[in-house]
Each structure stands twice: as C-alpha cells, then as structure tokens.
Amino acid sequence: MKIVITESQKRRILVESTGEELANIMKQGVDSVKYVIDELKNKFNFDLQFLLTWGGSVGGFISPIAQFVSGKYPELTDYDIALILLGVISTYYYDNKKIIREVYDKINEEGLTKIFKDVLKKSDELKNTFIDFLNSLGVTFHKVSNIFSYSFIIPLIPTLLNIALDRSFDGVDLREVAVRILSYGTVSVSTILFKEIFTKIIRRFRGK
C-alpha cells in the first residue's frame, strides 16, 4: 500500500530523524568520557565524575583523539588509552596544576610519556584547526576554555556537511533540528547558542 505524506510531515520526519542521529553521535562522545572514568576510577585523589559536567564538550574533543590513539598504537591496553586521554583532558580542561601534575606523573610511571607527547601534538593540531573553523564562522570567544565549550561540534561536522548538501532539507527550519538535539540532553549549552552555531555551520557549507 502506497502511503502519501504531506511536505509538512516530511519535514517533521527529517527533523526528528536527523536530530536523533546527531544526538547519538554526541552521546558517543559522552560514552568516551564515561570510558575514561570507568577505566581510571579509584586511581587518583580527585573526582573524575567532574568530567561529566562538561558532557558532550569533552567527549566531542577526545572522541577523534581516542580513534587516533587506537589506530596508531594498537598495542596499548584500555587502561593505557584512558590514561592518555585523561592527560589530554587535563591539559585543556583542568585549571588545577596539582591535578595536572598528578596525571602527568602517572603517565610517566606507566612509561607512556613519549606516546602521550605524540598524542598531545595531534590534539594541538585538532584544537588549532577547530579554532580556525570557528573563526571562519564568525564565532567569538574570549579565552581557551570558552573555545572548548564548543567542541561538542567536532564529531558532528561530517554529518552537518551531508545535511547542507542534501536537497531534501530545503525548506526545513534547521533550528528545529537543533532544538531536537538539545531535547536528548547530550549537551548543556543554551538553546540560543546551539541554534546559532548550528545554522552558521550549515550556511558555511552551503556557501551562503
């Protein structure tokens, strides 16, 4: 039986399915953070659960780094990878020098310093590329920590490019997609900020 849907219904389906797809991508980032916590809990004198307050922002940054580490260093254990990722997180997200030193010392104890330096170099490349991308969007920020509050965007970029090039989305209010993503609770930024960033990226990819 052939089912006919209206344009309005079609747009609603696109909004809901796309919002769910993007939310799932960000959830994978949050899962990466949980992975670090689960592997390293009770190994340090500070609460790793703090990382979850950053939610998708931390996950968005370390997800591609985790893929890089796993691909380049397949000999590493889950614990090794989690420790290196915590080193990256500490470098960019922690202000407490005592905590950062404790993580670095543990990395050194495990004989992972050389690999960590390589991973940190790759992380700097990702950070700088991301900053250039934000600048190209006209997004303003006042300090490095503010930059990383946007990093939940990183794993979304390939999918957002596909959306921008897909003619099926012509006439779809993409701000509705942004609201749909936020309804899943994967990021803790304001609705206004998220919608602004989301629409700027799509416009950029469409050359507008």
C-alpha atoms as a PDB file:
ATOM      1  CA  MET A   1       0.000   0.000   0.000  1.00  0.00           C
ATOM      2  CA  LYS A   2       1.387   3.368  -1.002  1.00  0.00           C
ATOM      3  CA  ILE A   3       1.354   5.995   1.739  1.00  0.00           C
ATOM      4  CA  VAL A   4       1.333   9.669   0.786  1.00  0.00           C
ATOM      5  CA  ILE A   5       2.685  12.192   3.259  1.00  0.00           C
ATOM      6  CA  THR A   6       2.492  15.955   3.138  1.00  0.00           C
ATOM      7  CA  GLU A   7       5.521  18.232   2.853  1.00  0.00           C
ATOM      8  CA  SER A   8       4.949  19.273   6.441  1.00  0.00           C
ATOM      9  CA  GLN A   9       5.023  15.657   7.602  1.00  0.00           C
ATOM     10  CA  LYS A  10       8.155  15.015   5.534  1.00  0.00           C
ATOM     11  CA  ARG A  11       9.933  17.951   7.160  1.00  0.00           C
ATOM     12  CA  ARG A  12       8.877  16.755  10.600  1.00  0.00           C
ATOM     13  CA  ILE A  13      10.299  13.277   9.921  1.00  0.00           C
ATOM     14  CA  LEU A  14      13.581  14.815   8.717  1.00  0.00           C
ATOM     15  CA  VAL A  15      13.823  16.991  11.807  1.00  0.00           C
ATOM     16  CA  GLU A  16      13.190  14.108  14.190  1.00  0.00           C
ATOM     17  CA  SER A  17      15.412  11.539  12.465  1.00  0.00           C
ATOM     18  CA  THR A  18      18.292  13.977  11.939  1.00  0.00           C
ATOM     19  CA  GLY A  19      18.052  15.279  15.478  1.00  0.00           C
ATOM     20  CA  GLU A  20      18.225  11.729  16.795  1.00  0.00           C
ATOM     21  CA  GLU A  21      21.185  10.854  14.560  1.00  0.00           C
ATOM     22  CA  LEU A  22      23.197  13.879  15.695  1.00  0.00           C
ATOM     23  CA  ALA A  23      22.254  13.330  19.327  1.00  0.00           C
ATOM     24  CA  ASN A  24      23.510   9.751  19.078  1.00  0.00           C
ATOM     25  CA  ILE A  25      26.834  10.985  17.706  1.00  0.00           C
ATOM     26  CA  MET A  26      27.207  13.305  20.684  1.00  0.00           C
ATOM     27  CA  LYS A  27      26.167  10.519  23.030  1.00  0.00           C
ATOM     28  CA  GLN A  28      29.114   8.502  21.732  1.00  0.00           C
ATOM     29  CA  GLY A  29      31.326  11.368  22.892  1.00  0.00           C
ATOM     30  CA  VAL A  30      29.796  11.266  26.356  1.00  0.00           C
ATOM     31  CA  ASP A  31      30.345   7.497  26.367  1.00  0.00           C
ATOM     32  CA  SER A  32      34.042   8.155  25.651  1.00  0.00           C
ATOM     33  CA  VAL A  33      34.196  10.249  28.816  1.00  0.00           C
ATOM     34  CA  LYS A  34      32.475   7.516  30.806  1.00  0.00           C
ATOM     35  CA  TYR A  35      35.003   5.039  29.414  1.00  0.00           C
ATOM     36  CA  VAL A  36      37.859   7.138  30.809  1.00  0.00           C
ATOM     37  CA  ILE A  37      36.133   7.390  34.182  1.00  0.00           C
ATOM     38  CA  ASP A  38      35.376   3.663  34.372  1.00  0.00           C
ATOM     39  CA  GLU A  39      38.942   2.677  33.480  1.00  0.00           C
ATOM     40  CA  LEU A  40      40.594   5.081  35.918  1.00  0.00           C
ATOM     41  CA  LYS A  41      38.215   5.337  38.863  1.00  0.00           C
ATOM     42  CA  ASN A  42      39.942   4.993  42.241  1.00  0.00           C
ATOM     43  CA  LYS A  43      43.334   5.649  40.596  1.00  0.00           C
ATOM     44  CA  PHE A  44      43.566   9.337  41.525  1.00  0.00           C
ATOM     45  CA  ASN A  45      42.986  11.589  44.510  1.00  0.00           C
ATOM     46  CA  PHE A  46      40.374  13.692  42.717  1.00  0.00           C
ATOM     47  CA  ASP A  47      36.863  13.009  41.477  1.00  0.00           C
ATOM     48  CA  LEU A  48      36.790  12.005  37.810  1.00  0.00           C
ATOM     49  CA  GLN A  49      32.995  12.303  37.801  1.00  0.00           C
ATOM     50  CA  PHE A  50      33.663  16.022  37.387  1.00  0.00           C
ATOM     51  CA  LEU A  51      34.318  15.292  33.716  1.00  0.00           C
ATOM     52  CA  LEU A  52      30.644  14.545  33.172  1.00  0.00           C
ATOM     53  CA  THR A  53      29.784  18.158  33.965  1.00  0.00           C
ATOM     54  CA  TRP A  54      31.403  19.019  30.630  1.00  0.00           C
ATOM     55  CA  GLY A  55      29.271  16.371  28.950  1.00  0.00           C
ATOM     56  CA  GLY A  56      29.463  16.369  25.181  1.00  0.00           C
ATOM     57  CA  SER A  57      32.101  19.109  25.086  1.00  0.00           C
ATOM     58  CA  VAL A  58      34.865  16.883  26.458  1.00  0.00           C
ATOM     59  CA  GLY A  59      33.545  13.908  24.512  1.00  0.00           C
ATOM     60  CA  GLY A  60      33.462  15.841  21.261  1.00  0.00           C
ATOM     61  CA  PHE A  61      37.133  16.680  21.584  1.00  0.00           C
ATOM     62  CA  ILE A  62      38.534  13.377  22.805  1.00  0.00           C
ATOM     63  CA  SER A  63      36.499  11.071  20.534  1.00  0.00           C
ATOM     64  CA  PRO A  64      38.651  11.724  17.443  1.00  0.00           C
ATOM     65  CA  ILE A  65      41.757  11.640  19.646  1.00  0.00           C
ATOM     66  CA  ALA A  66      40.719   8.232  21.003  1.00  0.00           C
ATOM     67  CA  GLN A  67      40.341   6.953  17.429  1.00  0.00           C
ATOM     68  CA  PHE A  68      43.799   8.282  16.587  1.00  0.00           C
ATOM     69  CA  VAL A  69      45.385   6.576  19.606  1.00  0.00           C
ATOM     70  CA  SER A  70      43.668   3.240  18.986  1.00  0.00           C
ATOM     71  CA  GLY A  71      44.637   3.277  15.317  1.00  0.00           C
ATOM     72  CA  LYS A  72      48.262   4.286  15.727  1.00  0.00           C
ATOM     73  CA  TYR A  73      49.016   2.374  18.921  1.00  0.00           C
ATOM     74  CA  PRO A  74      47.033  -0.907  18.806  1.00  0.00           C
ATOM     75  CA  GLU A  75      49.348  -2.411  21.429  1.00  0.00           C
ATOM     76  CA  LEU A  76      48.002  -0.132  24.154  1.00  0.00           C
ATOM     77  CA  THR A  77      45.591  -1.504  26.751  1.00  0.00           C
ATOM     78  CA  ASP A  78      42.240   0.117  27.539  1.00  0.00           C
ATOM     79  CA  TYR A  79      43.808   1.466  30.723  1.00  0.00           C
ATOM     80  CA  ASP A  80      46.726   2.998  28.777  1.00  0.00           C
ATOM     81  CA  ILE A  81      44.384   4.698  26.317  1.00  0.00           C
ATOM     82  CA  ALA A  82      42.147   6.026  29.090  1.00  0.00           C
ATOM     83  CA  LEU A  83      45.181   7.417  30.940  1.00  0.00           C
ATOM     84  CA  ILE A  84      46.474   9.173  27.835  1.00  0.00           C
ATOM     85  CA  LEU A  85      43.013  10.617  27.153  1.00  0.00           C
ATOM     86  CA  LEU A  86      42.853  11.868  30.719  1.00  0.00           C
ATOM     87  CA  GLY A  87      46.210  13.551  30.120  1.00  0.00           C
ATOM     88  CA  VAL A  88      44.733  15.344  27.108  1.00  0.00           C
ATOM     89  CA  ILE A  89      41.612  16.315  29.047  1.00  0.00           C
ATOM     90  CA  SER A  90      43.691  17.590  31.963  1.00  0.00           C
ATOM     91  CA  THR A  91      45.808  19.710  29.651  1.00  0.00           C
ATOM     92  CA  TYR A  92      42.850  21.558  28.172  1.00  0.00           C
ATOM     93  CA  TYR A  93      40.039  21.355  30.694  1.00  0.00           C
ATOM     94  CA  TYR A  94      41.615  21.465  34.164  1.00  0.00           C
ATOM     95  CA  ASP A  95      42.923  24.655  35.755  1.00  0.00           C
ATOM     96  CA  ASN A  96      44.303  22.892  38.830  1.00  0.00           C
ATOM     97  CA  LYS A  97      48.072  22.465  38.338  1.00  0.00           C
ATOM     98  CA  LYS A  98      48.246  19.876  41.129  1.00  0.00           C
ATOM     99  CA  ILE A  99      45.751  17.644  39.328  1.00  0.00           C
ATOM    100  CA  ILE A 100      47.541  18.069  36.003  1.00  0.00           C
ATOM    101  CA  ARG A 101      50.871  17.144  37.610  1.00  0.00           C
ATOM    102  CA  GLU A 102      49.365  14.040  39.211  1.00  0.00           C
ATOM    103  CA  VAL A 103      48.057  12.851  35.840  1.00  0.00           C
ATOM    104  CA  TYR A 104      51.349  13.583  34.092  1.00  0.00           C
ATOM    105  CA  ASP A 105      53.280  11.722  36.805  1.00  0.00           C
ATOM    106  CA  LYS A 106      51.047   8.676  36.374  1.00  0.00           C
ATOM    107  CA  ILE A 107      51.579   8.751  32.604  1.00  0.00           C
ATOM    108  CA  ASN A 108      55.326   8.848  33.199  1.00  0.00           C
ATOM    109  CA  GLU A 109      55.150   5.969  35.713  1.00  0.00           C
ATOM    110  CA  GLU A 110      53.424   3.813  33.103  1.00  0.00           C
ATOM    111  CA  GLY A 111      56.127   4.568  30.521  1.00  0.00           C
ATOM    112  CA  LEU A 112      53.688   6.368  28.242  1.00  0.00           C
ATOM    113  CA  THR A 113      55.322   9.810  28.106  1.00  0.00           C
ATOM    114  CA  LYS A 114      56.625   9.526  24.542  1.00  0.00           C
ATOM    115  CA  ILE A 115      53.275   8.349  23.198  1.00  0.00           C
ATOM    116  CA  PHE A 116      51.456  10.985  25.233  1.00  0.00           C
ATOM    117  CA  LYS A 117      53.589  13.757  23.718  1.00  0.00           C
ATOM    118  CA  ASP A 118      52.722  12.489  20.253  1.00  0.00           C
ATOM    119  CA  VAL A 119      49.022  12.388  21.115  1.00  0.00           C
ATOM    120  CA  LEU A 120      49.194  15.851  22.662  1.00  0.00           C
ATOM    121  CA  LYS A 121      50.753  17.166  19.454  1.00  0.00           C
ATOM    122  CA  LYS A 122      47.854  15.691  17.483  1.00  0.00           C
ATOM    123  CA  SER A 123      45.441  17.255  19.995  1.00  0.00           C
ATOM    124  CA  ASP A 124      47.032  20.674  19.446  1.00  0.00           C
ATOM    125  CA  GLU A 125      46.566  20.248  15.702  1.00  0.00           C
ATOM    126  CA  LEU A 126      42.890  19.432  16.244  1.00  0.00           C
ATOM    127  CA  LYS A 127      42.490  22.399  18.575  1.00  0.00           C
ATOM    128  CA  ASN A 128      44.092  24.831  16.136  1.00  0.00           C
ATOM    129  CA  THR A 129      42.082  23.509  13.195  1.00  0.00           C
ATOM    130  CA  PHE A 130      38.916  23.848  15.246  1.00  0.00           C
ATOM    131  CA  ILE A 131      39.777  27.419  16.250  1.00  0.00           C
ATOM    132  CA  ASP A 132      40.304  28.320  12.592  1.00  0.00           C
ATOM    133  CA  PHE A 133      36.932  26.766  11.767  1.00  0.00           C
ATOM    134  CA  LEU A 134      35.168  28.757  14.493  1.00  0.00           C
ATOM    135  CA  ASN A 135      36.861  31.939  13.330  1.00  0.00           C
ATOM    136  CA  SER A 136      35.637  31.292   9.802  1.00  0.00           C
ATOM    137  CA  LEU A 137      32.090  31.128  11.171  1.00  0.00           C
ATOM    138  CA  GLY A 138      32.465  34.465  12.901  1.00  0.00           C
ATOM    139  CA  VAL A 139      32.090  32.868  16.330  1.00  0.00           C
ATOM    140  CA  THR A 140      33.650  34.996  19.055  1.00  0.00           C
ATOM    141  CA  PHE A 141      35.277  33.676  22.217  1.00  0.00           C
ATOM    142  CA  HIS A 142      37.291  35.302  24.968  1.00  0.00           C
ATOM    143  CA  LYS A 143      39.529  32.537  26.300  1.00  0.00           C
ATOM    144  CA  VAL A 144      40.634  28.996  25.555  1.00  0.00           C
ATOM    145  CA  SER A 145      38.153  27.412  27.966  1.00  0.00           C
ATOM    146  CA  ASN A 146      35.384  29.146  26.042  1.00  0.00           C
ATOM    147  CA  ILE A 147      36.663  27.573  22.821  1.00  0.00           C
ATOM    148  CA  PHE A 148      36.380  24.090  24.302  1.00  0.00           C
ATOM    149  CA  SER A 149      32.783  24.666  25.316  1.00  0.00           C
ATOM    150  CA  TYR A 150      32.045  24.433  21.576  1.00  0.00           C
ATOM    151  CA  SER A 151      33.974  21.223  20.977  1.00  0.00           C
ATOM    152  CA  PHE A 152      30.837  19.061  21.047  1.00  0.00           C
ATOM    153  CA  ILE A 153      30.510  20.241  17.425  1.00  0.00           C
ATOM    154  CA  ILE A 154      33.630  18.421  16.187  1.00  0.00           C
ATOM    155  CA  PRO A 155      32.168  14.917  15.607  1.00  0.00           C
ATOM    156  CA  LEU A 156      29.021  16.454  14.085  1.00  0.00           C
ATOM    157  CA  ILE A 157      30.806  18.239  11.247  1.00  0.00           C
ATOM    158  CA  PRO A 158      30.752  15.389   8.635  1.00  0.00           C
ATOM    159  CA  THR A 159      27.026  14.842   9.174  1.00  0.00           C
ATOM    160  CA  LEU A 160      26.315  18.579   9.045  1.00  0.00           C
ATOM    161  CA  LEU A 161      28.143  18.745   5.725  1.00  0.00           C
ATOM    162  CA  ASN A 162      25.894  15.980   4.359  1.00  0.00           C
ATOM    163  CA  ILE A 163      22.829  17.858   5.597  1.00  0.00           C
ATOM    164  CA  ALA A 164      23.984  21.063   3.935  1.00  0.00           C
ATOM    165  CA  LEU A 165      24.406  19.275   0.594  1.00  0.00           C
ATOM    166  CA  ASP A 166      21.179  17.255   0.807  1.00  0.00           C
ATOM    167  CA  ARG A 167      18.403  18.951  -1.161  1.00  0.00           C
ATOM    168  CA  SER A 168      15.846  17.095   0.953  1.00  0.00           C
ATOM    169  CA  PHE A 169      16.498  19.672   3.660  1.00  0.00           C
ATOM    170  CA  ASP A 170      15.478  22.621   1.502  1.00  0.00           C
ATOM    171  CA  GLY A 171      12.681  24.378   3.366  1.00  0.00           C
ATOM    172  CA  VAL A 172      13.468  22.650   6.664  1.00  0.00           C
ATOM    173  CA  ASP A 173      13.977  25.026   9.584  1.00  0.00           C
ATOM    174  CA  LEU A 174      17.284  23.688  10.848  1.00  0.00           C
ATOM    175  CA  ARG A 175      16.812  25.471  14.141  1.00  0.00           C
ATOM    176  CA  GLU A 176      14.153  22.846  14.830  1.00  0.00           C
ATOM    177  CA  VAL A 177      16.823  20.169  14.364  1.00  0.00           C
ATOM    178  CA  ALA A 178      18.994  21.972  16.905  1.00  0.00           C
ATOM    179  CA  VAL A 179      16.139  22.046  19.402  1.00  0.00           C
ATOM    180  CA  ARG A 180      15.513  18.359  18.779  1.00  0.00           C
ATOM    181  CA  ILE A 181      19.166  17.553  19.570  1.00  0.00           C
ATOM    182  CA  LEU A 182      19.002  19.508  22.804  1.00  0.00           C
ATOM    183  CA  SER A 183      15.919  17.557  23.861  1.00  0.00           C
ATOM    184  CA  TYR A 184      18.129  14.489  24.257  1.00  0.00           C
ATOM    185  CA  GLY A 185      20.190  16.274  26.913  1.00  0.00           C
ATOM    186  CA  THR A 186      23.569  15.431  25.405  1.00  0.00           C
ATOM    187  CA  VAL A 187      24.935  18.973  25.681  1.00  0.00           C
ATOM    188  CA  SER A 188      24.426  21.679  28.269  1.00  0.00           C
ATOM    189  CA  VAL A 189      24.763  24.834  26.156  1.00  0.00           C
ATOM    190  CA  SER A 190      21.932  27.309  25.749  1.00  0.00           C
ATOM    191  CA  THR A 191      19.335  26.756  23.042  1.00  0.00           C
ATOM    192  CA  ILE A 192      20.094  30.154  21.507  1.00  0.00           C
ATOM    193  CA  LEU A 193      23.836  29.468  21.288  1.00  0.00           C
ATOM    194  CA  PHE A 194      23.356  25.983  19.876  1.00  0.00           C
ATOM    195  CA  LYS A 195      20.909  27.129  17.207  1.00  0.00           C
ATOM    196  CA  GLU A 196      23.228  29.986  16.239  1.00  0.00           C
ATOM    197  CA  ILE A 197      26.270  27.719  15.809  1.00  0.00           C
ATOM    198  CA  PHE A 198      24.239  25.042  14.048  1.00  0.00           C
ATOM    199  CA  THR A 199      22.786  27.397  11.440  1.00  0.00           C
ATOM    200  CA  LYS A 200      26.123  29.161  10.866  1.00  0.00           C
ATOM    201  CA  ILE A 201      27.803  25.836  10.051  1.00  0.00           C
ATOM    202  CA  ILE A 202      25.079  24.856   7.588  1.00  0.00           C
ATOM    203  CA  ARG A 203      25.236  28.251   5.888  1.00  0.00           C
ATOM    204  CA  ARG A 204      29.009  27.991   5.664  1.00  0.00           C
ATOM    205  CA  PHE A 205      28.809  24.592   3.985  1.00  0.00           C
ATOM    206  CA  ARG A 206      26.165  25.888   1.593  1.00  0.00           C
ATOM    207  CA  GLY A 207      28.404  28.838   0.688  1.00  0.00           C
ATOM    208  CA  LYS A 208      25.930  31.400   1.965  1.00  0.00           C
END
